[in-house]
Amino acid sequence: MGKPTGFIEFKRLSEASLPVAERRKNYQEFVLHLNDEQAGIQGARCMDCGIPFCTSGCPVNNIIPDWNDLVYRGNWREALDVLHSTNNFPEFTGRICPAPCEAACTLNINNDAVGIKSIEHAIIDKGGENGWVVPQPAEKRTGKKVAIVGSGPAGLAAAQQLARAGHSVTVFEKNSRIGGLLRYGIPDFKLDKRLIDWRMAQMQAEGVEFRTSVFVGKDKPAGSVANDAKKTISPAELLKKFDAVVLSGGAETPRDLPVPGRELNGVHFALEFLIPQNREVAGDARNPISAAGKHVIVIGGGDTGSDCVGTSNRHGALSVTQLEVMPRPPEHENKLLVWPNWPLKMRTSSSHEEGAQRDWAIVTKELIGRNGKVEKLSAVRVEWKDGKMHEIAGSEFELKADLVLLAMGFVSPEQRVLDAFGVEKDARGNIKADTESYRTSQDKVFTAGDMRRGQSLVVWAIREGRQCARAVDEFLMGSSVLPR
């Protein structure tokens, strides 16, 4: 694949980004995709390794060597077809996926991996610019009706596959816009929401119906920032009208921080900060939580925490500090030990590059305030021995904190939805279902994405949505030609 000696001749080229000072002024995307020549050279680095571990490292099993070679040879249209054969939404994964495929790249054993994600980004953007992404409506209709509950990546992938199989698909979304956490959880500077609208238009042309501001359950959760539903539909009503139902909502129940002072004003879950910001950027009401001129503490070292860092910097925060309970990871992994698996190593996001202090092995002990408003965070350093955490005596310290954002992950999907459908749950509060049938304990009810597997990556949601669609098609028709 590519040029036989390409990986020896050419170095990896990362995508260019706008300067930090410029991109902090707005919420626009700032990563620039490779041009044709650059992408071709990067495709040439694919080394014909014999066993493409990149494909197995990718949750949707993208046929990566094939489209690397096609880009190298200038066959962009065919490269797009190969990319779309396994991935419904490369415009999402080409921007926000952490690229486990690159960690699994054979070249990564002792060199820089092939820039797979950047090539994917270039392919789909070129396809969009040239009008190659067109509706693919089914030639025949089956007369079967499927309801999709949740319009995140899992729900959208399932909906598109089922519509192309000829079924009448209706997607129900509790918010006023389609996209789930793709739209409301991920900042616009990482994913331009016009991409969701673009893909949604394609799906509507394929026959998918979208119904927004509809909550499916017994009653709408009170006070939920991720919910502006104006209507509620019961599971019984949905099951009566549709031949199958797919539950594909996101994991939105955040992990809390049970410490003294948690109730103080200025302490918020990450999504209470990020969702209103995305609404504001979309033209809705102003975000009621502002980081402008404040000392911001972000608790949690993952992607959601990084999003809080980037958003706080764009607000004009006085300082941003991100704390993580786990030890600082090594700068470089032991590749011979962990390849082709996803390695634990130090990762610096674009938001961190824009300005943030980071600290590891920190446990918050108390949030301290005055007149009901948080002012300081009291913490202690810890060390990990034999998998257990031990506080280090005398290491207590305090940080200024005008705004504390809790970004420690998500424990489960919205339980009211699961309880309303009466589906069996696993020990973590997710819906119990396997990855063959994707069927829940209730007849006609299927599930995919975060609701089944828990908090995970967009690319895993797409995989599960596609596989669930095949399972639903088999249930409705007895067999299916949809890929898994």
Protein backbone atom coordinates (compact mmCIF):
# COMPACT_ATOMS: atom_id res chain seq x y z
CA MET A 1 0.00 0.00 0.00
CA GLY A 2 1.22 3.48 -0.73
CA LYS A 3 4.82 3.74 -1.83
CA PRO A 4 6.94 0.75 -0.79
CA THR A 5 9.70 3.02 0.51
CA GLY A 6 7.43 5.89 1.52
CA PHE A 7 7.73 5.35 5.26
CA ILE A 8 11.52 5.63 4.88
CA GLU A 9 11.48 8.67 2.60
CA PHE A 10 8.73 10.80 4.17
CA LYS A 11 8.20 12.06 7.69
CA ARG A 12 4.84 12.28 9.37
CA LEU A 13 3.19 15.65 8.81
CA SER A 14 0.69 16.89 11.36
CA GLU A 15 -2.23 19.09 10.41
CA ALA A 16 -1.65 22.82 10.78
CA SER A 17 -3.53 24.87 13.36
CA LEU A 18 -4.29 28.55 13.65
CA PRO A 19 -2.17 30.45 16.23
CA VAL A 20 -3.33 30.19 19.85
CA ALA A 21 -3.91 33.93 20.20
CA GLU A 22 -6.20 33.89 17.16
CA ARG A 23 -8.25 30.81 17.96
CA ARG A 24 -8.92 31.82 21.58
CA LYS A 25 -10.95 34.75 20.28
CA ASN A 26 -13.79 32.62 18.91
CA TYR A 27 -15.41 29.18 18.82
CA GLN A 28 -14.55 28.29 15.25
CA GLU A 29 -12.60 25.21 14.17
CA PHE A 30 -8.89 25.95 13.90
CA VAL A 31 -7.37 22.69 12.57
CA LEU A 32 -6.68 22.86 8.83
CA HIS A 33 -6.92 19.68 6.78
CA LEU A 34 -4.02 18.57 4.60
CA ASN A 35 -3.96 19.65 0.97
CA ASP A 36 -3.95 17.07 -1.82
CA GLU A 37 -0.17 16.87 -2.08
CA GLN A 38 0.36 16.61 1.67
CA ALA A 39 -2.31 13.92 2.07
CA GLY A 40 -0.83 11.96 -0.84
CA ILE A 41 2.61 11.99 0.75
CA GLN A 42 1.16 10.88 4.08
CA GLY A 43 -0.73 8.09 2.31
CA ALA A 44 2.55 7.01 0.76
CA ARG A 45 3.89 6.27 4.26
CA CYS A 46 1.48 3.33 4.61
CA MET A 47 4.03 0.54 4.52
CA ASP A 48 2.22 -2.54 3.13
CA CYS A 49 2.78 -4.21 6.48
CA GLY A 50 0.94 -7.42 5.58
CA ILE A 51 -1.34 -7.46 8.63
CA PRO A 52 -3.07 -4.07 8.97
CA PHE A 53 -3.37 -3.80 12.75
CA CYS A 54 -4.75 -0.28 12.18
CA THR A 55 -7.96 -1.87 10.90
CA SER A 56 -8.40 -4.01 14.01
CA GLY A 57 -7.43 -1.06 16.21
CA CYS A 58 -10.25 0.99 14.69
CA PRO A 59 -13.64 0.30 16.35
CA VAL A 60 -15.47 0.58 13.00
CA ASN A 61 -12.74 -1.47 11.27
CA ASN A 62 -12.00 1.18 8.66
CA ILE A 63 -10.21 -0.31 5.64
CA ILE A 64 -7.35 2.10 6.21
CA PRO A 65 -4.57 0.77 3.94
CA ASP A 66 -6.94 0.84 0.96
CA TRP A 67 -7.90 4.48 1.26
CA ASN A 68 -4.34 5.47 2.15
CA ASP A 69 -3.24 3.94 -1.15
CA LEU A 70 -6.09 5.53 -3.08
CA VAL A 71 -5.22 8.99 -1.74
CA TYR A 72 -1.55 8.41 -2.59
CA ARG A 73 -2.61 7.64 -6.17
CA GLY A 74 -5.02 10.57 -6.34
CA ASN A 75 -8.21 8.47 -6.48
CA TRP A 76 -10.10 10.61 -3.97
CA ARG A 77 -13.63 9.70 -4.99
CA GLU A 78 -12.94 5.98 -4.60
CA ALA A 79 -11.16 6.66 -1.30
CA LEU A 80 -14.34 8.33 -0.04
CA ASP A 81 -16.41 5.32 -1.05
CA VAL A 82 -14.09 2.98 0.83
CA LEU A 83 -14.16 5.25 3.88
CA HIS A 84 -17.97 5.44 3.87
CA SER A 85 -18.25 1.65 3.52
CA THR A 86 -17.39 1.26 7.21
CA ASN A 87 -18.00 4.71 8.71
CA ASN A 88 -21.19 6.74 8.27
CA PHE A 89 -19.71 9.93 9.69
CA PRO A 90 -15.98 10.38 9.00
CA GLU A 91 -16.48 14.15 9.32
CA PHE A 92 -16.94 13.53 13.06
CA THR A 93 -14.25 10.91 13.63
CA GLY A 94 -11.75 12.74 11.41
CA ARG A 95 -11.97 15.62 13.86
CA ILE A 96 -12.60 14.26 17.35
CA CYS A 97 -11.55 10.61 17.40
CA PRO A 98 -8.38 9.97 19.45
CA ALA A 99 -7.23 7.64 16.64
CA PRO A 100 -6.66 4.22 18.24
CA CYS A 101 -5.88 3.14 14.67
CA GLU A 102 -2.65 5.15 14.78
CA ALA A 103 -1.62 3.55 18.06
CA ALA A 104 -2.06 0.17 16.34
CA CYS A 105 -0.18 1.17 13.17
CA THR A 106 2.73 -1.21 12.51
CA LEU A 107 4.97 1.74 11.76
CA ASN A 108 4.28 2.98 15.29
CA ILE A 109 6.45 0.22 16.75
CA ASN A 110 9.66 2.12 16.09
CA ASN A 111 8.65 5.21 14.12
CA ASP A 112 5.91 7.83 13.83
CA ALA A 113 2.60 6.23 12.90
CA VAL A 114 0.91 6.96 9.59
CA GLY A 115 -1.24 10.10 9.94
CA ILE A 116 -4.44 8.12 9.46
CA LYS A 117 -6.78 10.61 11.12
CA SER A 118 -5.46 13.52 9.07
CA ILE A 119 -5.96 11.57 5.83
CA GLU A 120 -9.51 10.67 6.86
CA HIS A 121 -10.17 14.34 7.62
CA ALA A 122 -8.85 15.33 4.18
CA ILE A 123 -10.93 12.68 2.38
CA ILE A 124 -14.29 13.65 3.85
CA ASP A 125 -13.66 17.39 3.54
CA LYS A 126 -12.72 16.95 -0.11
CA GLY A 127 -15.85 14.88 -0.62
CA GLY A 128 -17.97 17.62 0.88
CA GLU A 129 -16.28 20.37 -1.11
CA ASN A 130 -16.85 18.48 -4.37
CA GLY A 131 -20.44 17.45 -3.72
CA TRP A 132 -19.66 13.76 -3.56
CA VAL A 133 -21.64 13.10 -0.37
CA VAL A 134 -25.14 12.55 -1.71
CA PRO A 135 -28.31 10.86 -0.42
CA GLN A 136 -28.60 7.11 -0.91
CA PRO A 137 -32.33 6.41 -0.58
CA ALA A 138 -33.55 2.82 -0.57
CA GLU A 139 -34.84 1.44 -3.86
CA LYS A 140 -37.68 -0.38 -2.10
CA ARG A 141 -39.62 0.35 1.09
CA THR A 142 -40.32 -2.46 3.55
CA GLY A 143 -43.35 -0.92 5.25
CA LYS A 144 -41.69 -1.42 8.64
CA LYS A 145 -41.34 1.49 11.08
CA VAL A 146 -38.46 1.99 13.52
CA ALA A 147 -38.14 4.58 16.29
CA ILE A 148 -34.70 5.76 17.35
CA VAL A 149 -34.54 7.39 20.80
CA GLY A 150 -31.53 9.70 20.94
CA SER A 151 -29.81 11.47 18.05
CA GLY A 152 -26.17 11.11 19.02
CA PRO A 153 -23.70 9.18 16.84
CA ALA A 154 -25.15 5.76 17.73
CA GLY A 155 -28.71 6.81 16.95
CA LEU A 156 -27.77 8.60 13.75
CA ALA A 157 -25.71 5.66 12.49
CA ALA A 158 -28.53 3.21 13.22
CA ALA A 159 -31.07 5.53 11.61
CA GLN A 160 -29.10 5.97 8.39
CA GLN A 161 -28.43 2.26 7.99
CA LEU A 162 -32.04 1.30 8.63
CA ALA A 163 -33.36 3.95 6.25
CA ARG A 164 -31.06 2.68 3.52
CA ALA A 165 -32.45 -0.81 4.18
CA GLY A 166 -35.89 0.53 3.29
CA HIS A 167 -37.46 1.04 6.71
CA SER A 168 -39.34 4.16 7.79
CA VAL A 169 -37.17 5.67 10.54
CA THR A 170 -38.12 8.36 13.03
CA VAL A 171 -35.48 9.82 15.35
CA PHE A 172 -36.68 11.32 18.64
CA GLU A 173 -34.47 13.91 20.36
CA LYS A 174 -35.27 15.63 23.67
CA ASN A 175 -33.37 18.78 22.71
CA SER A 176 -34.39 21.35 20.12
CA ARG A 177 -31.57 20.37 17.76
CA ILE A 178 -30.34 17.03 16.45
CA GLY A 179 -26.95 15.63 17.47
CA GLY A 180 -27.12 14.66 21.15
CA LEU A 181 -23.78 15.09 22.91
CA LEU A 182 -22.13 15.56 19.51
CA ARG A 183 -23.89 18.91 19.36
CA TYR A 184 -24.25 19.83 23.00
CA GLY A 185 -21.29 18.20 24.71
CA ILE A 186 -18.44 18.91 22.27
CA PRO A 187 -17.38 22.56 21.80
CA ASP A 188 -17.76 24.12 18.37
CA PHE A 189 -14.02 24.77 18.13
CA LYS A 190 -13.52 21.00 18.01
CA LEU A 191 -16.55 20.14 15.87
CA ASP A 192 -18.39 22.68 13.73
CA LYS A 193 -22.08 21.91 14.23
CA ARG A 194 -22.84 22.76 10.61
CA LEU A 195 -21.40 19.32 9.87
CA ILE A 196 -24.25 17.74 11.81
CA ASP A 197 -26.79 19.81 9.89
CA TRP A 198 -25.10 18.81 6.62
CA ARG A 199 -25.33 15.11 7.42
CA MET A 200 -28.87 15.50 8.76
CA ALA A 201 -29.98 16.97 5.43
CA GLN A 202 -28.59 13.92 3.65
CA MET A 203 -30.47 11.61 6.01
CA GLN A 204 -33.73 13.52 5.57
CA ALA A 205 -33.37 13.07 1.81
CA GLU A 206 -32.95 9.34 2.51
CA GLY A 207 -36.28 9.31 4.34
CA VAL A 208 -35.29 9.74 8.00
CA GLU A 209 -37.74 11.86 10.00
CA PHE A 210 -36.41 13.92 12.92
CA ARG A 211 -38.64 14.93 15.82
CA THR A 212 -36.99 17.31 18.26
CA SER A 213 -37.99 18.61 21.71
CA VAL A 214 -39.62 15.25 22.48
CA PHE A 215 -38.74 13.35 25.64
CA VAL A 216 -39.44 9.62 25.56
CA GLY A 217 -40.30 8.37 29.03
CA LYS A 218 -42.85 8.73 31.77
CA ASP A 219 -41.97 12.29 32.67
CA LYS A 220 -39.36 14.84 31.71
CA PRO A 221 -36.43 15.06 34.19
CA ALA A 222 -36.78 18.27 36.18
CA GLY A 223 -34.03 20.86 35.95
CA SER A 224 -31.96 19.02 33.35
CA VAL A 225 -29.70 21.38 31.43
CA ALA A 226 -29.49 18.80 28.61
CA ASN A 227 -33.22 18.81 28.01
CA ASP A 228 -35.52 21.42 26.49
CA ALA A 229 -38.30 19.00 25.57
CA LYS A 230 -41.78 20.42 25.05
CA LYS A 231 -43.55 17.08 24.65
CA THR A 232 -43.38 13.67 26.32
CA ILE A 233 -44.15 10.36 24.63
CA SER A 234 -44.57 7.20 26.70
CA PRO A 235 -42.78 3.96 25.81
CA ALA A 236 -46.16 2.26 25.46
CA GLU A 237 -47.23 4.76 22.81
CA LEU A 238 -43.94 4.34 20.95
CA LEU A 239 -44.11 0.53 20.99
CA LYS A 240 -47.68 0.67 19.72
CA LYS A 241 -46.81 2.82 16.70
CA PHE A 242 -43.46 1.27 15.73
CA ASP A 243 -42.30 -2.22 14.84
CA ALA A 244 -38.99 -1.75 16.70
CA VAL A 245 -37.42 0.80 19.02
CA VAL A 246 -33.72 1.55 19.44
CA LEU A 247 -32.57 3.23 22.67
CA SER A 248 -29.39 5.14 21.80
CA GLY A 249 -29.07 8.03 24.24
CA GLY A 250 -25.80 9.19 25.71
CA ALA A 251 -24.30 8.67 29.15
CA GLU A 252 -25.28 11.96 30.76
CA THR A 253 -25.31 11.14 34.48
CA PRO A 254 -22.07 12.71 35.77
CA ARG A 255 -19.86 11.42 38.56
CA ASP A 256 -20.25 13.73 41.55
CA LEU A 257 -17.73 14.97 44.11
CA PRO A 258 -19.03 14.27 47.63
CA VAL A 259 -16.92 16.71 49.65
CA PRO A 260 -17.78 19.53 52.07
CA GLY A 261 -18.67 22.67 50.14
CA ARG A 262 -20.06 20.84 47.12
CA GLU A 263 -23.28 22.85 47.49
CA LEU A 264 -21.55 26.24 47.12
CA ASN A 265 -22.40 28.52 44.22
CA GLY A 266 -19.76 28.36 41.51
CA VAL A 267 -19.45 24.55 41.61
CA HIS A 268 -20.92 22.90 38.52
CA PHE A 269 -20.88 19.71 36.54
CA ALA A 270 -18.99 20.12 33.26
CA LEU A 271 -22.08 19.77 31.07
CA GLU A 272 -23.82 22.51 33.04
CA PHE A 273 -21.08 24.74 31.64
CA LEU A 274 -20.52 23.22 28.18
CA ILE A 275 -24.11 22.67 27.04
CA PRO A 276 -25.28 26.27 27.60
CA GLN A 277 -22.12 27.47 25.85
CA ASN A 278 -22.91 25.41 22.78
CA ARG A 279 -26.46 26.75 22.88
CA GLU A 280 -25.12 30.31 23.06
CA VAL A 281 -22.81 29.75 20.08
CA ALA A 282 -25.82 28.39 18.18
CA GLY A 283 -27.70 31.62 18.84
CA ASP A 284 -29.73 30.66 21.91
CA ALA A 285 -29.67 32.34 25.33
CA ARG A 286 -26.41 33.45 26.89
CA ASN A 287 -24.49 30.93 29.01
CA PRO A 288 -25.41 31.71 32.64
CA ILE A 289 -22.01 30.42 33.83
CA SER A 290 -19.06 32.64 32.98
CA ALA A 291 -15.35 31.99 33.51
CA ALA A 292 -14.38 35.54 32.60
CA GLY A 293 -11.90 37.02 35.05
CA LYS A 294 -12.09 33.97 37.32
CA HIS A 295 -9.70 31.41 38.73
CA VAL A 296 -11.10 28.20 37.23
CA ILE A 297 -10.44 24.72 38.60
CA VAL A 298 -11.30 21.76 36.38
CA ILE A 299 -11.43 18.45 38.26
CA GLY A 300 -10.88 15.54 35.87
CA GLY A 301 -8.17 14.99 33.30
CA GLY A 302 -10.11 13.55 30.36
CA ASP A 303 -11.58 15.00 27.18
CA THR A 304 -14.49 16.67 28.95
CA GLY A 305 -12.05 18.40 31.28
CA SER A 306 -10.02 19.52 28.28
CA ASP A 307 -13.18 20.97 26.72
CA CYS A 308 -13.78 22.93 29.92
CA VAL A 309 -10.23 24.28 29.72
CA GLY A 310 -10.63 25.46 26.12
CA THR A 311 -14.01 27.05 26.80
CA SER A 312 -12.78 28.79 29.96
CA ASN A 313 -9.87 30.29 28.05
CA ARG A 314 -12.25 31.62 25.43
CA HIS A 315 -14.32 33.23 28.18
CA GLY A 316 -11.24 35.07 29.37
CA ALA A 317 -10.46 33.17 32.58
CA LEU A 318 -7.82 34.67 34.85
CA SER A 319 -6.29 31.24 35.33
CA VAL A 320 -7.21 27.63 34.53
CA THR A 321 -5.97 24.67 36.56
CA GLN A 322 -6.82 21.06 35.75
CA LEU A 323 -6.51 18.41 38.46
CA GLU A 324 -6.37 14.65 38.00
CA VAL A 325 -6.50 11.99 40.72
CA MET A 326 -4.33 9.50 38.81
CA PRO A 327 -0.51 9.79 38.63
CA ARG A 328 1.11 11.72 35.81
CA PRO A 329 1.48 9.29 32.90
CA PRO A 330 4.86 8.69 31.25
CA GLU A 331 5.88 10.95 28.37
CA HIS A 332 6.34 7.93 26.09
CA GLU A 333 4.87 4.46 26.27
CA ASN A 334 6.86 1.24 26.13
CA LYS A 335 5.81 0.41 22.59
CA LEU A 336 7.26 -3.10 22.58
CA LEU A 337 5.15 -3.85 25.64
CA VAL A 338 1.79 -2.27 24.76
CA TRP A 339 1.59 -2.11 20.94
CA PRO A 340 -0.90 -2.47 19.21
CA ASN A 341 -3.12 -1.60 22.17
CA TRP A 342 -4.05 1.92 23.22
CA PRO A 343 -1.17 3.13 25.41
CA LEU A 344 -1.15 5.06 28.65
CA LYS A 345 1.04 8.09 28.05
CA MET A 346 1.10 11.83 28.51
CA ARG A 347 -1.33 13.53 26.14
CA THR A 348 -1.58 17.26 25.59
CA SER A 349 -4.69 18.55 23.84
CA SER A 350 -5.04 21.71 21.81
CA SER A 351 -6.93 23.24 24.75
CA HIS A 352 -3.97 22.60 27.05
CA GLU A 353 -1.71 24.32 24.53
CA GLU A 354 -3.93 27.38 24.80
CA GLY A 355 -3.11 27.79 28.47
CA ALA A 356 -3.62 25.70 31.60
CA GLN A 357 -1.79 24.47 34.68
CA ARG A 358 -2.06 20.71 35.08
CA ASP A 359 -1.43 18.64 38.18
CA TRP A 360 -1.69 14.92 38.88
CA ALA A 361 -2.25 12.63 41.88
CA ILE A 362 -4.45 15.23 43.56
CA VAL A 363 -7.52 14.59 45.71
CA THR A 364 -9.94 17.38 46.57
CA LYS A 365 -10.75 17.42 50.28
CA GLU A 366 -12.99 20.45 50.61
CA LEU A 367 -14.45 23.39 48.74
CA ILE A 368 -14.25 26.53 50.84
CA GLY A 369 -16.41 29.59 50.37
CA ARG A 370 -17.92 32.69 51.88
CA ASN A 371 -21.49 33.96 51.67
CA GLY A 372 -22.44 30.80 49.81
CA LYS A 373 -19.85 31.30 47.03
CA VAL A 374 -16.82 29.10 46.43
CA GLU A 375 -13.45 30.83 46.90
CA LYS A 376 -10.87 28.12 47.51
CA LEU A 377 -10.21 24.45 46.93
CA SER A 378 -8.43 22.41 49.59
CA ALA A 379 -6.54 19.38 48.29
CA VAL A 380 -3.90 16.83 49.20
CA ARG A 381 -1.33 14.97 47.14
CA VAL A 382 -1.55 11.20 46.95
CA GLU A 383 0.62 8.29 45.89
CA TRP A 384 -0.51 5.01 44.41
CA LYS A 385 0.85 1.76 45.78
CA ASP A 386 -0.40 -1.69 44.80
CA GLY A 387 -3.37 -0.11 43.08
CA LYS A 388 -4.42 1.79 46.19
CA MET A 389 -4.38 5.51 46.88
CA HIS A 390 -2.58 6.87 49.93
CA GLU A 391 -2.55 10.49 51.05
CA ILE A 392 0.90 12.03 51.53
CA ALA A 393 1.21 13.51 55.00
CA GLY A 394 1.96 17.22 55.02
CA SER A 395 1.13 17.71 51.32
CA GLU A 396 -2.09 19.64 51.87
CA PHE A 397 -2.51 22.85 49.87
CA GLU A 398 -5.13 25.33 48.74
CA LEU A 399 -5.94 26.91 45.37
CA LYS A 400 -7.97 29.97 44.50
CA ALA A 401 -11.24 28.87 42.97
CA ASP A 402 -13.96 31.17 41.71
CA LEU A 403 -15.39 28.48 39.41
CA VAL A 404 -15.05 24.72 39.91
CA LEU A 405 -16.04 22.40 37.06
CA LEU A 406 -16.52 18.69 37.76
CA ALA A 407 -15.40 16.63 34.75
CA MET A 408 -14.81 13.23 36.29
CA GLY A 409 -16.67 11.15 33.76
CA PHE A 410 -20.20 9.81 33.44
CA VAL A 411 -21.58 6.86 35.36
CA SER A 412 -24.69 5.92 33.39
CA PRO A 413 -27.41 7.01 30.96
CA GLU A 414 -30.59 8.75 32.09
CA GLN A 415 -32.19 6.21 34.41
CA ARG A 416 -35.74 7.52 33.97
CA VAL A 417 -35.68 6.44 30.33
CA LEU A 418 -34.44 2.96 31.21
CA ASP A 419 -36.97 2.60 34.03
CA ALA A 420 -39.81 3.80 31.81
CA PHE A 421 -39.09 1.04 29.30
CA GLY A 422 -38.56 -1.51 32.09
CA VAL A 423 -35.38 -2.89 30.54
CA GLU A 424 -32.97 -5.03 32.51
CA LYS A 425 -29.77 -3.24 33.57
CA ASP A 426 -26.24 -4.39 34.22
CA ALA A 427 -24.26 -3.71 37.40
CA ARG A 428 -23.25 -0.24 36.16
CA GLY A 429 -26.76 0.95 35.41
CA ASN A 430 -26.51 0.48 31.65
CA ILE A 431 -28.97 -1.49 29.55
CA LYS A 432 -28.13 -5.18 29.49
CA ALA A 433 -27.71 -6.40 25.91
CA ASP A 434 -25.09 -8.30 23.92
CA THR A 435 -23.24 -7.18 20.79
CA GLU A 436 -24.82 -9.80 18.53
CA SER A 437 -28.55 -9.16 18.84
CA TYR A 438 -28.42 -5.80 20.68
CA ARG A 439 -31.81 -6.80 22.10
CA THR A 440 -32.93 -5.69 25.53
CA SER A 441 -35.07 -7.72 27.92
CA GLN A 442 -38.18 -6.07 26.42
CA ASP A 443 -39.71 -7.27 23.17
CA LYS A 444 -39.07 -5.04 20.13
CA VAL A 445 -36.62 -2.86 22.11
CA PHE A 446 -32.95 -2.68 21.10
CA THR A 447 -30.08 -0.56 22.35
CA ALA A 448 -26.70 0.74 21.18
CA GLY A 449 -23.96 3.16 22.16
CA ASP A 450 -23.51 4.68 25.61
CA MET A 451 -26.81 3.30 26.87
CA ARG A 452 -25.43 -0.21 26.40
CA ARG A 453 -21.66 0.10 26.85
CA GLY A 454 -21.41 3.18 29.08
CA GLN A 455 -19.45 6.36 28.41
CA SER A 456 -17.27 5.82 25.36
CA LEU A 457 -15.94 7.26 22.12
CA VAL A 458 -17.94 8.58 19.17
CA VAL A 459 -16.36 5.93 16.97
CA TRP A 460 -17.60 3.16 19.28
CA ALA A 461 -21.09 4.67 19.16
CA ILE A 462 -21.02 4.61 15.35
CA ARG A 463 -19.91 0.96 15.37
CA GLU A 464 -22.68 -0.07 17.75
CA GLY A 465 -25.29 1.93 15.84
CA ARG A 466 -24.35 0.16 12.61
CA GLN A 467 -24.33 -3.28 14.19
CA CYS A 468 -27.60 -2.64 16.01
CA ALA A 469 -29.17 -1.56 12.72
CA ARG A 470 -28.29 -4.91 11.19
CA ALA A 471 -29.77 -6.72 14.20
CA VAL A 472 -33.00 -4.72 13.90
CA ASP A 473 -33.17 -5.39 10.16
CA GLU A 474 -32.76 -9.13 10.80
CA PHE A 475 -35.49 -8.97 13.45
CA LEU A 476 -37.89 -7.21 11.09
CA MET A 477 -37.09 -9.06 7.84
CA GLY A 478 -35.60 -12.40 8.89
CA SER A 479 -32.26 -11.60 7.26
CA SER A 480 -30.14 -8.56 6.43
CA VAL A 481 -27.64 -7.37 3.85
CA LEU A 482 -26.46 -4.54 6.06
CA PRO A 483 -22.79 -4.78 7.12
CA ARG A 484 -21.87 -5.18 10.77
